[in-house]
Amino acid sequence: MAKYFIIKNSGNFQEAQDTFQDAVIVLYEKTKDSDFKLSCTLKTFIYSIVRNLWLKALSKRQKRVDVVDFEKFYTLEINEDQSKKEDKQLDKITEAIKTLGEKCRKILIGFYFEQKKMTQIAEELGYTNAANAKNQKYKCMQQLKKLVN
């Protein structure tokens, strides 16, 4: 989520890694405070830190950007029950991905998590063109949906 946020908002992979590491340090410092109480999931808390750090970095650059935020899809004000359901669903998806064939795993992970273009995925996996890889991605998603439901 952190990588997605930073890359979609004028950052790159290295900046995403650096910002995530900074967020982990902030989290560590917060946990040393005796008044610290985590009132949301750890994932949500780290995402909030990453978001704030990145927005500060962008403002230091004096770069005007329209922020593309995960919050459209993932509200930070989630109650604990909803968060636990989402964690279980994510675990279910992760396990289902592990049962897919190697090519399907590589396609889905490459496209959705590594943000690779279909042309790059097609090249890496030996498809004749991006359209064939896209068609295979569709079939892989259908398999994944069956496994998750």
N, C-alpha and C. Protein backbone atom coordinates (compact mmCIF):
# COMPACT_ATOMS: atom_id res chain seq x y z
N MET A 1 0.83 -1.18 0.00
CA MET A 1 0.00 0.00 0.00
C MET A 1 0.87 1.25 0.00
N ALA A 2 1.94 1.22 0.80
CA ALA A 2 2.83 2.38 0.88
C ALA A 2 3.51 2.63 -0.45
N LYS A 3 4.01 1.56 -1.06
CA LYS A 3 4.68 1.68 -2.36
C LYS A 3 3.71 2.23 -3.40
N TYR A 4 2.53 1.70 -3.42
CA TYR A 4 1.50 2.16 -4.37
C TYR A 4 1.25 3.66 -4.19
N PHE A 5 1.06 4.09 -2.95
CA PHE A 5 0.77 5.49 -2.66
C PHE A 5 1.89 6.40 -3.16
N ILE A 6 3.12 6.05 -2.85
CA ILE A 6 4.26 6.91 -3.20
C ILE A 6 4.49 6.93 -4.71
N ILE A 7 4.44 5.78 -5.34
CA ILE A 7 4.66 5.72 -6.79
C ILE A 7 3.56 6.47 -7.53
N LYS A 8 2.33 6.35 -7.09
CA LYS A 8 1.22 7.05 -7.73
C LYS A 8 1.25 8.56 -7.46
N ASN A 9 2.09 8.99 -6.54
CA ASN A 9 2.18 10.40 -6.18
C ASN A 9 3.59 10.93 -6.38
N SER A 10 4.09 10.77 -7.60
CA SER A 10 5.36 11.37 -8.04
C SER A 10 6.60 10.77 -7.40
N GLY A 11 6.51 9.59 -6.85
CA GLY A 11 7.68 8.96 -6.26
C GLY A 11 8.17 7.80 -7.09
N ASN A 12 9.23 7.17 -6.60
CA ASN A 12 9.74 5.98 -7.27
C ASN A 12 9.93 4.88 -6.23
N PHE A 13 10.36 3.72 -6.70
CA PHE A 13 10.48 2.56 -5.82
C PHE A 13 11.47 2.82 -4.67
N GLN A 14 12.61 3.44 -4.98
CA GLN A 14 13.62 3.71 -3.94
C GLN A 14 13.07 4.67 -2.88
N GLU A 15 12.36 5.70 -3.32
CA GLU A 15 11.76 6.64 -2.37
C GLU A 15 10.71 5.94 -1.51
N ALA A 16 9.99 5.02 -2.11
CA ALA A 16 8.99 4.26 -1.36
C ALA A 16 9.66 3.42 -0.28
N GLN A 17 10.75 2.76 -0.64
CA GLN A 17 11.48 1.95 0.35
C GLN A 17 12.02 2.83 1.48
N ASP A 18 12.63 3.95 1.12
CA ASP A 18 13.19 4.85 2.13
C ASP A 18 12.11 5.39 3.06
N THR A 19 10.99 5.79 2.48
CA THR A 19 9.90 6.35 3.29
C THR A 19 9.31 5.28 4.20
N PHE A 20 9.19 4.06 3.70
CA PHE A 20 8.67 2.98 4.54
C PHE A 20 9.61 2.72 5.71
N GLN A 21 10.92 2.72 5.45
CA GLN A 21 11.89 2.53 6.53
C GLN A 21 11.80 3.65 7.55
N ASP A 22 11.63 4.88 7.08
CA ASP A 22 11.46 6.01 8.00
C ASP A 22 10.20 5.83 8.84
N ALA A 23 9.14 5.30 8.22
CA ALA A 23 7.89 5.06 8.95
C ALA A 23 8.07 4.01 10.04
N VAL A 24 8.85 2.99 9.76
CA VAL A 24 9.11 1.96 10.77
C VAL A 24 9.88 2.56 11.95
N ILE A 25 10.80 3.46 11.66
CA ILE A 25 11.55 4.13 12.72
C ILE A 25 10.61 5.01 13.56
N VAL A 26 9.71 5.74 12.90
CA VAL A 26 8.73 6.55 13.63
C VAL A 26 7.88 5.65 14.52
N LEU A 27 7.43 4.52 13.98
CA LEU A 27 6.64 3.57 14.76
C LEU A 27 7.42 3.10 15.99
N TYR A 28 8.67 2.75 15.79
CA TYR A 28 9.52 2.29 16.90
C TYR A 28 9.62 3.38 17.98
N GLU A 29 9.85 4.62 17.55
CA GLU A 29 9.96 5.72 18.50
C GLU A 29 8.64 5.93 19.25
N LYS A 30 7.53 5.80 18.55
CA LYS A 30 6.22 5.95 19.19
C LYS A 30 5.98 4.87 20.25
N THR A 31 6.41 3.64 19.95
CA THR A 31 6.16 2.55 20.90
C THR A 31 6.97 2.71 22.18
N LYS A 32 8.03 3.48 22.14
CA LYS A 32 8.83 3.72 23.34
C LYS A 32 8.14 4.70 24.29
N ASP A 33 7.17 5.45 23.78
CA ASP A 33 6.42 6.41 24.59
C ASP A 33 5.39 5.64 25.43
N SER A 34 5.38 5.85 26.72
CA SER A 34 4.48 5.10 27.61
C SER A 34 3.01 5.44 27.36
N ASP A 35 2.72 6.60 26.78
CA ASP A 35 1.35 7.00 26.51
C ASP A 35 0.81 6.45 25.19
N PHE A 36 1.66 5.80 24.43
CA PHE A 36 1.26 5.32 23.11
C PHE A 36 0.25 4.18 23.23
N LYS A 37 -0.85 4.32 22.48
CA LYS A 37 -1.85 3.27 22.43
C LYS A 37 -2.29 3.14 20.97
N LEU A 38 -2.15 1.98 20.42
CA LEU A 38 -2.52 1.72 19.02
C LEU A 38 -4.03 1.53 18.97
N SER A 39 -4.73 2.43 18.26
CA SER A 39 -6.19 2.37 18.21
C SER A 39 -6.71 1.91 16.86
N CYS A 40 -5.82 1.44 16.00
CA CYS A 40 -6.20 0.90 14.70
C CYS A 40 -5.26 -0.26 14.40
N THR A 41 -5.39 -0.84 13.22
CA THR A 41 -4.47 -1.93 12.89
C THR A 41 -3.08 -1.36 12.63
N LEU A 42 -2.09 -2.19 12.78
CA LEU A 42 -0.71 -1.78 12.54
C LEU A 42 -0.54 -1.33 11.09
N LYS A 43 -1.16 -2.05 10.18
CA LYS A 43 -1.10 -1.72 8.75
C LYS A 43 -1.62 -0.30 8.51
N THR A 44 -2.74 0.03 9.11
CA THR A 44 -3.34 1.35 8.96
C THR A 44 -2.44 2.43 9.55
N PHE A 45 -1.88 2.15 10.69
CA PHE A 45 -1.02 3.11 11.37
C PHE A 45 0.24 3.40 10.54
N ILE A 46 0.88 2.35 10.03
CA ILE A 46 2.08 2.53 9.22
C ILE A 46 1.74 3.28 7.93
N TYR A 47 0.61 2.93 7.32
CA TYR A 47 0.20 3.63 6.10
C TYR A 47 0.02 5.12 6.38
N SER A 48 -0.57 5.47 7.50
CA SER A 48 -0.77 6.87 7.85
C SER A 48 0.57 7.59 8.01
N ILE A 49 1.51 6.93 8.64
CA ILE A 49 2.83 7.53 8.81
C ILE A 49 3.49 7.74 7.45
N VAL A 50 3.45 6.72 6.61
CA VAL A 50 4.05 6.82 5.27
C VAL A 50 3.41 7.98 4.51
N ARG A 51 2.10 8.04 4.56
CA ARG A 51 1.38 9.10 3.84
C ARG A 51 1.82 10.48 4.32
N ASN A 52 1.87 10.67 5.62
CA ASN A 52 2.28 11.97 6.16
C ASN A 52 3.73 12.30 5.80
N LEU A 53 4.62 11.33 5.92
CA LEU A 53 6.02 11.57 5.57
C LEU A 53 6.16 11.94 4.10
N TRP A 54 5.42 11.23 3.24
CA TRP A 54 5.55 11.51 1.81
C TRP A 54 4.96 12.87 1.45
N LEU A 55 3.84 13.23 2.05
CA LEU A 55 3.26 14.54 1.77
C LEU A 55 4.19 15.66 2.23
N LYS A 56 4.88 15.46 3.36
CA LYS A 56 5.87 16.44 3.81
C LYS A 56 7.02 16.53 2.82
N ALA A 57 7.48 15.38 2.34
CA ALA A 57 8.58 15.38 1.37
C ALA A 57 8.17 16.11 0.09
N LEU A 58 6.95 15.90 -0.36
CA LEU A 58 6.47 16.59 -1.56
C LEU A 58 6.38 18.09 -1.33
N SER A 59 5.93 18.49 -0.15
CA SER A 59 5.82 19.93 0.11
C SER A 59 7.20 20.58 0.20
N LYS A 60 8.19 19.85 0.68
CA LYS A 60 9.56 20.38 0.71
C LYS A 60 10.09 20.59 -0.70
N ARG A 61 9.68 19.73 -1.60
CA ARG A 61 10.09 19.87 -3.01
C ARG A 61 9.34 21.02 -3.67
N GLN A 62 8.32 21.52 -2.98
CA GLN A 62 7.43 22.56 -3.52
C GLN A 62 6.82 22.10 -4.83
N LYS A 63 6.44 20.87 -4.84
CA LYS A 63 5.86 20.27 -6.04
C LYS A 63 4.36 20.14 -5.81
N ARG A 64 3.58 20.71 -6.67
CA ARG A 64 2.13 20.63 -6.59
C ARG A 64 1.69 19.35 -7.29
N VAL A 65 1.05 18.47 -6.55
CA VAL A 65 0.53 17.25 -7.14
C VAL A 65 -0.87 16.99 -6.63
N ASP A 66 -1.66 16.35 -7.45
CA ASP A 66 -2.97 15.88 -7.01
C ASP A 66 -2.74 14.50 -6.42
N VAL A 67 -3.01 14.36 -5.16
CA VAL A 67 -2.70 13.12 -4.45
C VAL A 67 -3.68 12.02 -4.82
N VAL A 68 -3.12 10.90 -5.25
CA VAL A 68 -3.90 9.69 -5.50
C VAL A 68 -3.75 8.85 -4.25
N ASP A 69 -4.83 8.62 -3.57
CA ASP A 69 -4.73 8.00 -2.26
C ASP A 69 -5.48 6.68 -2.18
N PHE A 70 -4.93 5.78 -1.42
CA PHE A 70 -5.55 4.49 -1.17
C PHE A 70 -6.84 4.67 -0.39
N GLU A 71 -7.00 5.84 0.24
CA GLU A 71 -8.17 6.07 1.07
C GLU A 71 -9.46 5.98 0.29
N LYS A 72 -9.39 6.14 -1.03
CA LYS A 72 -10.60 5.96 -1.84
C LYS A 72 -11.11 4.54 -1.69
N PHE A 73 -10.19 3.62 -1.51
CA PHE A 73 -10.54 2.21 -1.45
C PHE A 73 -10.42 1.64 -0.04
N TYR A 74 -9.66 2.29 0.78
CA TYR A 74 -9.35 1.74 2.10
C TYR A 74 -9.43 2.86 3.13
N THR A 75 -10.52 2.98 3.82
CA THR A 75 -10.72 4.05 4.77
C THR A 75 -9.88 3.81 6.01
N LEU A 76 -9.21 4.87 6.45
CA LEU A 76 -8.36 4.73 7.63
C LEU A 76 -9.16 4.68 8.93
N GLU A 77 -10.42 5.03 8.85
CA GLU A 77 -11.27 5.05 10.03
C GLU A 77 -12.04 3.74 10.17
N ILE A 78 -11.38 2.65 9.94
CA ILE A 78 -12.03 1.34 9.97
C ILE A 78 -12.19 0.88 11.41
N ASN A 79 -13.34 0.32 11.72
CA ASN A 79 -13.47 -0.24 13.06
C ASN A 79 -12.76 -1.59 13.11
N GLU A 80 -12.51 -2.07 14.28
CA GLU A 80 -11.70 -3.29 14.45
C GLU A 80 -12.33 -4.51 13.78
N ASP A 81 -13.66 -4.66 13.83
CA ASP A 81 -14.31 -5.81 13.20
C ASP A 81 -14.08 -5.82 11.70
N GLN A 82 -14.25 -4.66 11.08
CA GLN A 82 -14.04 -4.56 9.63
C GLN A 82 -12.58 -4.85 9.29
N SER A 83 -11.68 -4.34 10.11
CA SER A 83 -10.25 -4.55 9.88
C SER A 83 -9.89 -6.04 9.97
N LYS A 84 -10.46 -6.73 10.95
CA LYS A 84 -10.18 -8.15 11.10
C LYS A 84 -10.73 -8.94 9.91
N LYS A 85 -11.90 -8.56 9.42
CA LYS A 85 -12.47 -9.22 8.24
C LYS A 85 -11.57 -9.02 7.04
N GLU A 86 -11.05 -7.80 6.88
CA GLU A 86 -10.18 -7.52 5.74
C GLU A 86 -8.86 -8.28 5.86
N ASP A 87 -8.33 -8.38 7.08
CA ASP A 87 -7.10 -9.14 7.28
C ASP A 87 -7.32 -10.61 6.94
N LYS A 88 -8.46 -11.17 7.34
CA LYS A 88 -8.78 -12.56 7.01
C LYS A 88 -8.92 -12.73 5.50
N GLN A 89 -9.58 -11.76 4.85
CA GLN A 89 -9.75 -11.82 3.40
C GLN A 89 -8.39 -11.75 2.70
N LEU A 90 -7.52 -10.87 3.18
CA LEU A 90 -6.19 -10.74 2.61
C LEU A 90 -5.40 -12.03 2.79
N ASP A 91 -5.51 -12.66 3.96
CA ASP A 91 -4.84 -13.95 4.19
C ASP A 91 -5.38 -15.01 3.23
N LYS A 92 -6.70 -14.99 3.02
CA LYS A 92 -7.32 -15.95 2.12
C LYS A 92 -6.82 -15.76 0.68
N ILE A 93 -6.70 -14.50 0.27
CA ILE A 93 -6.20 -14.20 -1.08
C ILE A 93 -4.75 -14.62 -1.21
N THR A 94 -3.95 -14.33 -0.19
CA THR A 94 -2.53 -14.70 -0.21
C THR A 94 -2.37 -16.20 -0.34
N GLU A 95 -3.14 -16.96 0.41
CA GLU A 95 -3.07 -18.42 0.32
C GLU A 95 -3.53 -18.91 -1.04
N ALA A 96 -4.58 -18.28 -1.57
CA ALA A 96 -5.08 -18.69 -2.89
C ALA A 96 -4.04 -18.42 -3.97
N ILE A 97 -3.35 -17.29 -3.88
CA ILE A 97 -2.31 -16.97 -4.86
C ILE A 97 -1.22 -18.03 -4.85
N LYS A 98 -0.90 -18.53 -3.66
CA LYS A 98 0.15 -19.55 -3.55
C LYS A 98 -0.24 -20.84 -4.27
N THR A 99 -1.54 -21.10 -4.41
CA THR A 99 -1.97 -22.35 -5.04
C THR A 99 -2.08 -22.22 -6.56
N LEU A 100 -2.01 -20.99 -7.07
CA LEU A 100 -2.06 -20.81 -8.53
C LEU A 100 -0.77 -21.31 -9.16
N GLY A 101 -0.81 -21.52 -10.44
CA GLY A 101 0.39 -21.90 -11.17
C GLY A 101 1.41 -20.78 -11.15
N GLU A 102 2.64 -21.12 -11.47
CA GLU A 102 3.74 -20.15 -11.41
C GLU A 102 3.51 -18.94 -12.32
N LYS A 103 3.06 -19.20 -13.56
CA LYS A 103 2.84 -18.08 -14.49
C LYS A 103 1.74 -17.16 -13.98
N CYS A 104 0.66 -17.74 -13.48
CA CYS A 104 -0.42 -16.91 -12.94
C CYS A 104 0.07 -16.04 -11.78
N ARG A 105 0.83 -16.66 -10.88
CA ARG A 105 1.38 -15.89 -9.76
C ARG A 105 2.23 -14.74 -10.26
N LYS A 106 3.10 -15.03 -11.21
CA LYS A 106 4.00 -13.99 -11.73
C LYS A 106 3.22 -12.87 -12.43
N ILE A 107 2.19 -13.23 -13.17
CA ILE A 107 1.38 -12.22 -13.85
C ILE A 107 0.68 -11.32 -12.83
N LEU A 108 -0.02 -11.93 -11.89
CA LEU A 108 -0.80 -11.15 -10.92
C LEU A 108 0.09 -10.31 -10.01
N ILE A 109 1.14 -10.90 -9.51
CA ILE A 109 2.06 -10.15 -8.64
C ILE A 109 2.75 -9.04 -9.43
N GLY A 110 3.18 -9.37 -10.63
CA GLY A 110 3.84 -8.36 -11.47
C GLY A 110 2.93 -7.19 -11.78
N PHE A 111 1.69 -7.47 -12.13
CA PHE A 111 0.77 -6.41 -12.54
C PHE A 111 0.24 -5.63 -11.34
N TYR A 112 -0.27 -6.33 -10.33
CA TYR A 112 -0.96 -5.65 -9.23
C TYR A 112 -0.03 -5.14 -8.13
N PHE A 113 1.06 -5.83 -7.86
CA PHE A 113 1.92 -5.43 -6.75
C PHE A 113 3.19 -4.72 -7.20
N GLU A 114 3.75 -5.16 -8.31
CA GLU A 114 4.99 -4.56 -8.80
C GLU A 114 4.72 -3.48 -9.84
N GLN A 115 3.44 -3.29 -10.21
CA GLN A 115 2.99 -2.26 -11.15
C GLN A 115 3.70 -2.33 -12.51
N LYS A 116 3.97 -3.54 -12.95
CA LYS A 116 4.62 -3.71 -14.25
C LYS A 116 3.59 -3.54 -15.37
N LYS A 117 4.05 -3.08 -16.50
CA LYS A 117 3.20 -2.96 -17.69
C LYS A 117 3.01 -4.35 -18.29
N MET A 118 1.89 -4.53 -18.99
CA MET A 118 1.61 -5.84 -19.60
C MET A 118 2.66 -6.20 -20.64
N THR A 119 3.23 -5.20 -21.33
CA THR A 119 4.27 -5.50 -22.31
C THR A 119 5.50 -6.10 -21.63
N GLN A 120 5.85 -5.58 -20.46
CA GLN A 120 6.99 -6.11 -19.72
C GLN A 120 6.70 -7.52 -19.22
N ILE A 121 5.51 -7.74 -18.72
CA ILE A 121 5.13 -9.07 -18.24
C ILE A 121 5.15 -10.07 -19.40
N ALA A 122 4.63 -9.66 -20.56
CA ALA A 122 4.61 -10.52 -21.73
C ALA A 122 6.03 -10.92 -22.12
N GLU A 123 6.93 -9.96 -22.11
CA GLU A 123 8.34 -10.25 -22.44
C GLU A 123 8.95 -11.23 -21.46
N GLU A 124 8.77 -10.94 -20.16
CA GLU A 124 9.38 -11.76 -19.12
C GLU A 124 8.87 -13.20 -19.13
N LEU A 125 7.59 -13.37 -19.46
CA LEU A 125 7.00 -14.71 -19.39
C LEU A 125 6.88 -15.40 -20.74
N GLY A 126 7.36 -14.75 -21.78
CA GLY A 126 7.40 -15.39 -23.09
C GLY A 126 6.11 -15.38 -23.88
N TYR A 127 5.20 -14.45 -23.59
CA TYR A 127 3.99 -14.32 -24.40
C TYR A 127 4.33 -13.54 -25.66
N THR A 128 3.59 -13.79 -26.73
CA THR A 128 3.90 -13.14 -28.01
C THR A 128 3.62 -11.65 -27.99
N ASN A 129 2.63 -11.22 -27.19
CA ASN A 129 2.35 -9.79 -27.08
C ASN A 129 1.60 -9.49 -25.78
N ALA A 130 1.39 -8.20 -25.52
CA ALA A 130 0.73 -7.77 -24.29
C ALA A 130 -0.73 -8.23 -24.24
N ALA A 131 -1.38 -8.29 -25.40
CA ALA A 131 -2.78 -8.73 -25.43
C ALA A 131 -2.93 -10.17 -24.93
N ASN A 132 -2.00 -11.04 -25.33
CA ASN A 132 -2.04 -12.43 -24.85
C ASN A 132 -1.81 -12.49 -23.34
N ALA A 133 -0.87 -11.69 -22.87
CA ALA A 133 -0.61 -11.66 -21.43
C ALA A 133 -1.82 -11.13 -20.67
N LYS A 134 -2.48 -10.12 -21.23
CA LYS A 134 -3.67 -9.54 -20.60
C LYS A 134 -4.79 -10.58 -20.55
N ASN A 135 -4.96 -11.34 -21.60
CA ASN A 135 -5.96 -12.40 -21.64
C ASN A 135 -5.66 -13.45 -20.57
N GLN A 136 -4.39 -13.80 -20.43
CA GLN A 136 -4.00 -14.77 -19.42
C GLN A 136 -4.23 -14.21 -18.02
N LYS A 137 -3.98 -12.91 -17.84
CA LYS A 137 -4.22 -12.27 -16.54
C LYS A 137 -5.70 -12.39 -16.17
N TYR A 138 -6.57 -12.18 -17.14
CA TYR A 138 -8.01 -12.31 -16.91
C TYR A 138 -8.35 -13.73 -16.43
N LYS A 139 -7.79 -14.72 -17.12
CA LYS A 139 -8.06 -16.12 -16.74
C LYS A 139 -7.52 -16.41 -15.35
N CYS A 140 -6.36 -15.87 -15.03
CA CYS A 140 -5.77 -16.07 -13.71
C CYS A 140 -6.65 -15.44 -12.62
N MET A 141 -7.19 -14.26 -12.91
CA MET A 141 -8.08 -13.60 -11.95
C MET A 141 -9.34 -14.42 -11.73
N GLN A 142 -9.86 -15.03 -12.79
CA GLN A 142 -11.04 -15.88 -12.66
C GLN A 142 -10.72 -17.08 -11.75
N GLN A 143 -9.56 -17.68 -11.94
CA GLN A 143 -9.14 -18.80 -11.08
C GLN A 143 -9.03 -18.34 -9.63
N LEU A 144 -8.41 -17.18 -9.43
CA LEU A 144 -8.22 -16.65 -8.08
C LEU A 144 -9.56 -16.38 -7.41
N LYS A 145 -10.50 -15.81 -8.15
CA LYS A 145 -11.83 -15.54 -7.59
C LYS A 145 -12.51 -16.83 -7.15
N LYS A 146 -12.38 -17.88 -7.96
CA LYS A 146 -12.98 -19.17 -7.59
C LYS A 146 -12.36 -19.71 -6.31
N LEU A 147 -11.05 -19.57 -6.18
CA LEU A 147 -10.36 -20.07 -4.99
C LEU A 147 -10.72 -19.29 -3.74
N VAL A 148 -10.92 -17.99 -3.88
CA VAL A 148 -11.21 -17.13 -2.72
C VAL A 148 -12.66 -17.28 -2.27
N ASN A 149 -13.57 -17.45 -3.22
CA ASN A 149 -15.00 -17.55 -2.85
C ASN A 149 -15.41 -18.91 -2.48
